[in-house]
Structures are given as structure tokens and as C-alpha cells.
Amino acid sequence: MSKMSELSQVLSELRDCGKTLINIADSLTEIFSSSGDEPENVMEAPAIPTEEPKPEYSFLDVRKKFAEMSRAGYTEALKGLLKKYGADKLSSVDPSQYAALLADAEAIK
């Protein structure tokens, strides 16, 4: 594509964007300058669901839980879990995986 035709296409798109902005501005002016208290035909914005923050666990939290479970007889199952997360020992597990690791450990019980 030549430079001139590329420039022509960009200018055309820019004009289209400008027209769209003018239409939006006109619509907003019409909505907010109406004589009634409530604007007519205005859709409410959908409620954005807020996600509950995921709990963050430290190495010590995970180690404590693993120690409790190991004393309760789940040592071999916990070793299998570590292998599932690509680790030979707890300190080798990626900290971003602690929540999932603890959830899997709870599922063992």
C-alpha cells in the first residue's frame, strides 16, 4: 500500500471517529438538558460484580497446614501433592500456587 493511500485511509477513519464523537456529545447533551428530573430512555449501567479477594497465604501458613496434616497421617498424600505442583519440597512451590495447594490439601482430608 502506498503512503498516500495509507494516509487517505487513516484520515477517513479519523473523520468517522470524529462523527461518532459528535453524535455521542449530542446524545449526552440531549439527555442531561432535558427538563425532567429523570432522563428518559436512559439505560442503567449494569452492576459490575466485585470478586472477593482471594486469600493470600504465606509459606508459613502452608507449612503449618502441611505439618498438621503430616502428623495426622497424610504424609504420602502431601508428597504426591508437592509432585503435582512440580516440587520435591514445600519451599520449591511457587508462592502464587499456595492457595491452590492448600485447597488440594483440604480435599485430601
Foldseek 3Di string as FASTA:
>chain_A
DDPVVVVVVVVVVVVVVVVVVVVVVVVVCVQVPDPDPHGPPDDDDDDDDDDDDDDADDLVRLVVVLVVVVVVPCVVVLCVLCVVQVHRDSVPHDSVCSSVSVVVVVVVD
